[in-house]
Amino acid sequence: MPAITPLQEWSLNSTSTAQLSELKINGVPLTSFRPTKMKYSVEVPFRTQTVPAITAVAEDSSDTITITPASGIPGAVVVEVTDDQGVRRPGNYLIDVFKGIFTGVLTDVPVLPVTYLADSGPVDNTWPGPRAADHDPLSYWAVLGPNTIDFDLGSETLATYVGISWLRGNERQFFFDILTSMDGQTWTKIFEGPSSGKVNGIMKFMISRIRRLGIYELL
């Protein structure tokens, strides 16, 4: 059995942390920035293809800043500030970058038939999965905790977007993934992130060639 250290003997690391004095996104100061706040979420327009440029300034001009860019959107940028003298601990700032809702106007785009397949909610769910695809804005699928719901388009289809309407979507955010598949076995994640929390209606997320559509709700 490992040695047990009584709680009264615990101590916190009193060594100070190297910090930033400023963070900029595409040359614009991040308004929510605070030197002691280490995690941020940055929303970019839906059609954005390039990860925004992150620049930073250290509180101590002699410190070294290392920026590890995100590989894509959604993704995370890591900014590390290091005390070259080794006196202070390195400071690590995490910037999550995600796409906002699609706000463009799509014309002459047919609505494809969507068939409910299955979901991971309880069999006796008061708000069952088929309600998610019944085109009735007053009915909905709801279940507690992380869950999935799957839909079928009938055949391989070149689609433009998937639209999701969240219950009271203008009052709260939902964290979820959107996945697509041709066979229902191999899935490709095409979206990961939160809903906007600002829209009481359909949010649109761009997609491409699919046969089946799955949504994994985290919260």
Protein backbone atom coordinates (compact mmCIF):
# COMPACT_ATOMS: atom_id res chain seq x y z
CA MET A 1 0.00 0.00 0.00
CA PRO A 2 1.43 3.43 -0.91
CA ALA A 3 2.27 5.87 1.86
CA ILE A 4 -0.61 8.15 2.86
CA THR A 5 0.03 11.85 3.45
CA PRO A 6 -2.40 13.42 5.95
CA LEU A 7 -4.42 16.28 4.51
CA GLN A 8 -2.98 18.78 6.99
CA GLU A 9 0.47 18.10 5.54
CA TRP A 10 -0.52 18.92 1.97
CA SER A 11 0.86 22.11 0.44
CA LEU A 12 0.39 24.13 -2.71
CA ASN A 13 3.16 24.99 -5.10
CA SER A 14 3.87 28.62 -4.27
CA THR A 15 6.09 29.15 -7.32
CA SER A 16 4.68 31.91 -9.50
CA THR A 17 3.68 31.26 -13.11
CA ALA A 18 4.99 33.01 -16.20
CA GLN A 19 2.09 34.92 -17.73
CA LEU A 20 0.98 36.84 -20.78
CA SER A 21 -0.05 40.47 -20.82
CA GLU A 22 -2.01 40.28 -24.08
CA LEU A 23 -3.59 37.83 -26.53
CA LYS A 24 -4.65 38.83 -30.03
CA ILE A 25 -6.87 37.04 -32.54
CA ASN A 26 -6.08 38.11 -36.11
CA GLY A 27 -4.47 41.24 -34.70
CA VAL A 28 -7.43 42.17 -32.49
CA PRO A 29 -7.00 42.05 -28.68
CA LEU A 30 -9.07 39.32 -27.02
CA THR A 31 -11.48 41.32 -24.86
CA SER A 32 -12.03 38.52 -22.33
CA PHE A 33 -8.29 38.09 -21.73
CA ARG A 34 -6.92 38.12 -18.20
CA PRO A 35 -3.35 37.06 -17.35
CA THR A 36 -4.58 34.49 -14.83
CA LYS A 37 -7.27 33.02 -17.11
CA MET A 38 -5.77 30.08 -18.98
CA LYS A 39 -8.63 28.85 -21.22
CA TYR A 40 -10.68 30.66 -23.88
CA SER A 41 -13.26 29.87 -26.54
CA VAL A 42 -13.16 31.78 -29.82
CA GLU A 43 -16.03 31.63 -32.31
CA VAL A 44 -15.26 32.29 -35.98
CA PRO A 45 -17.69 32.71 -38.92
CA PHE A 46 -19.10 29.43 -40.20
CA ARG A 47 -17.38 29.58 -43.59
CA THR A 48 -13.94 30.21 -42.08
CA GLN A 49 -11.41 27.71 -43.45
CA THR A 50 -8.18 29.02 -41.92
CA VAL A 51 -7.34 28.90 -38.23
CA PRO A 52 -7.12 32.51 -36.99
CA ALA A 53 -3.68 33.91 -36.25
CA ILE A 54 -2.92 33.97 -32.53
CA THR A 55 -0.27 36.37 -31.24
CA ALA A 56 0.76 37.01 -27.66
CA VAL A 57 2.85 39.34 -25.50
CA ALA A 58 4.55 38.17 -22.29
CA GLU A 59 4.35 40.20 -19.09
CA ASP A 60 8.12 39.82 -18.82
CA SER A 61 9.76 40.76 -22.11
CA SER A 62 12.59 38.31 -21.44
CA ASP A 63 10.21 35.31 -21.39
CA THR A 64 9.86 33.01 -24.39
CA ILE A 65 6.49 32.44 -26.08
CA THR A 66 5.77 29.26 -28.05
CA ILE A 67 2.52 28.98 -30.02
CA THR A 68 1.27 25.58 -31.20
CA PRO A 69 -1.44 26.20 -33.81
CA ALA A 70 -4.60 24.14 -34.23
CA SER A 71 -4.63 21.67 -37.13
CA GLY A 72 -8.08 22.86 -38.20
CA ILE A 73 -11.45 24.17 -37.05
CA PRO A 74 -12.67 23.11 -34.57
CA GLY A 75 -9.34 22.86 -32.82
CA ALA A 76 -7.20 24.19 -30.01
CA VAL A 77 -4.27 26.62 -30.04
CA VAL A 78 -1.77 26.30 -27.19
CA VAL A 79 0.29 29.30 -26.11
CA GLU A 80 3.14 28.57 -23.69
CA VAL A 81 5.12 31.31 -21.98
CA THR A 82 8.38 30.21 -20.38
CA ASP A 83 10.69 31.93 -17.92
CA ASP A 84 14.15 31.54 -19.45
CA GLN A 85 15.68 31.84 -15.97
CA GLY A 86 13.67 28.86 -14.75
CA VAL A 87 12.39 30.72 -11.68
CA ARG A 88 8.69 30.69 -12.57
CA ARG A 89 6.58 27.81 -13.82
CA PRO A 90 5.61 27.80 -17.52
CA GLY A 91 2.19 29.27 -18.23
CA ASN A 92 -0.03 27.41 -20.71
CA TYR A 93 -2.99 29.14 -22.36
CA LEU A 94 -5.55 27.11 -24.33
CA ILE A 95 -7.70 28.75 -27.02
CA ASP A 96 -10.53 26.58 -28.38
CA VAL A 97 -11.57 27.72 -31.87
CA PHE A 98 -14.98 26.71 -33.21
CA LYS A 99 -17.30 27.74 -36.01
CA GLY A 100 -20.41 29.77 -35.35
CA ILE A 101 -23.80 29.10 -36.89
CA PHE A 102 -24.40 29.29 -40.63
CA THR A 103 -26.10 32.61 -41.34
CA GLY A 104 -26.16 32.64 -45.14
CA VAL A 105 -29.24 32.33 -47.32
CA LEU A 106 -29.65 29.05 -49.21
CA THR A 107 -32.11 29.18 -52.11
CA ASP A 108 -33.47 26.39 -54.32
CA VAL A 109 -32.13 23.74 -51.96
CA PRO A 110 -34.52 20.77 -51.64
CA VAL A 111 -35.14 19.30 -48.20
CA LEU A 112 -34.14 15.64 -48.17
CA PRO A 113 -36.31 12.99 -46.49
CA VAL A 114 -34.78 11.96 -43.16
CA THR A 115 -35.78 8.70 -41.47
CA TYR A 116 -35.19 8.10 -37.79
CA LEU A 117 -33.19 4.90 -37.18
CA ALA A 118 -32.32 4.59 -33.50
CA ASP A 119 -31.14 6.38 -30.40
CA SER A 120 -29.46 5.41 -27.16
CA GLY A 121 -32.19 6.73 -24.89
CA PRO A 122 -34.41 4.50 -22.70
CA VAL A 123 -37.12 2.42 -24.37
CA ASP A 124 -39.85 4.09 -22.32
CA ASN A 125 -38.55 7.61 -22.98
CA THR A 126 -41.26 10.26 -22.62
CA TRP A 127 -39.66 12.18 -25.49
CA PRO A 128 -38.72 9.37 -27.95
CA GLY A 129 -36.28 9.61 -30.84
CA PRO A 130 -38.80 9.56 -33.73
CA ARG A 131 -40.00 12.98 -32.59
CA ALA A 132 -36.68 14.45 -33.72
CA ALA A 133 -37.66 13.89 -37.37
CA ASP A 134 -41.44 14.39 -37.36
CA HIS A 135 -41.25 18.01 -38.64
CA ASP A 136 -43.40 19.16 -35.73
CA PRO A 137 -41.72 22.13 -33.99
CA LEU A 138 -43.72 21.41 -30.83
CA SER A 139 -42.38 17.87 -30.35
CA TYR A 140 -38.80 16.89 -29.64
CA TRP A 141 -36.35 14.18 -28.58
CA ALA A 142 -34.89 14.66 -25.11
CA VAL A 143 -32.78 12.42 -22.89
CA LEU A 144 -30.44 12.93 -19.96
CA GLY A 145 -26.67 12.60 -20.27
CA PRO A 146 -24.47 11.77 -23.28
CA ASN A 147 -26.53 10.01 -25.97
CA THR A 148 -26.66 9.36 -29.70
CA ILE A 149 -29.39 9.50 -32.33
CA ASP A 150 -29.08 8.16 -35.89
CA PHE A 151 -30.93 9.01 -39.11
CA ASP A 152 -30.97 7.51 -42.61
CA LEU A 153 -31.33 9.33 -45.94
CA GLY A 154 -32.20 6.19 -47.90
CA SER A 155 -29.25 6.30 -50.29
CA GLU A 156 -25.88 7.96 -50.79
CA THR A 157 -26.67 11.65 -51.05
CA LEU A 158 -24.78 14.85 -51.77
CA ALA A 159 -26.14 17.17 -49.09
CA THR A 160 -25.48 20.83 -48.36
CA TYR A 161 -26.18 21.15 -44.67
CA VAL A 162 -27.88 19.54 -41.70
CA GLY A 163 -30.29 21.70 -39.73
CA ILE A 164 -30.87 21.18 -36.01
CA SER A 165 -33.41 22.98 -33.86
CA TRP A 166 -32.61 22.86 -30.14
CA LEU A 167 -35.28 23.18 -27.46
CA ARG A 168 -34.93 26.71 -26.03
CA GLY A 169 -31.80 27.05 -28.14
CA ASN A 170 -31.68 30.78 -27.49
CA GLU A 171 -31.39 30.23 -23.73
CA ARG A 172 -28.64 27.60 -23.42
CA GLN A 173 -25.83 25.87 -25.27
CA PHE A 174 -25.68 22.19 -26.22
CA PHE A 175 -22.37 20.40 -26.71
CA PHE A 176 -22.50 17.77 -29.44
CA ASP A 177 -20.80 16.05 -32.39
CA ILE A 178 -22.18 15.46 -35.89
CA LEU A 179 -20.98 12.33 -37.69
CA THR A 180 -21.68 10.98 -41.18
CA SER A 181 -21.44 7.49 -42.64
CA MET A 182 -22.05 5.53 -45.83
CA ASP A 183 -22.69 2.18 -44.16
CA GLY A 184 -23.61 2.88 -40.54
CA GLN A 185 -20.36 1.23 -39.40
CA THR A 186 -17.58 3.67 -40.23
CA TRP A 187 -18.29 7.21 -39.09
CA THR A 188 -16.58 10.52 -39.85
CA LYS A 189 -16.89 13.43 -37.45
CA ILE A 190 -17.71 16.64 -39.32
CA PHE A 191 -18.57 18.92 -36.43
CA GLU A 192 -17.60 19.15 -32.77
CA GLY A 193 -18.58 22.00 -30.53
CA PRO A 194 -21.40 23.87 -28.86
CA SER A 195 -24.60 25.28 -30.28
CA SER A 196 -24.67 29.06 -30.28
CA GLY A 197 -27.08 29.49 -27.38
CA LYS A 198 -28.52 32.41 -29.37
CA VAL A 199 -30.91 30.85 -31.89
CA ASN A 200 -34.47 29.73 -31.22
CA GLY A 201 -34.82 27.92 -34.52
CA ILE A 202 -32.81 25.86 -36.96
CA MET A 203 -29.02 26.07 -36.92
CA LYS A 204 -27.31 24.89 -40.12
CA PHE A 205 -24.06 22.92 -40.30
CA MET A 206 -22.40 22.29 -43.68
CA ILE A 207 -21.89 18.65 -44.75
CA SER A 208 -21.16 16.74 -47.99
CA ARG A 209 -21.75 13.23 -49.39
CA ILE A 210 -23.45 10.96 -46.84
CA ARG A 211 -25.86 8.06 -46.39
CA ARG A 212 -26.40 8.14 -42.64
CA LEU A 213 -26.24 10.91 -40.10
CA GLY A 214 -25.50 10.56 -36.40
CA ILE A 215 -25.62 13.12 -33.61
CA TYR A 216 -23.79 12.55 -30.34
CA GLU A 217 -25.02 14.87 -27.62
CA LEU A 218 -22.50 15.45 -24.85
CA LEU A 219 -24.68 17.65 -22.67
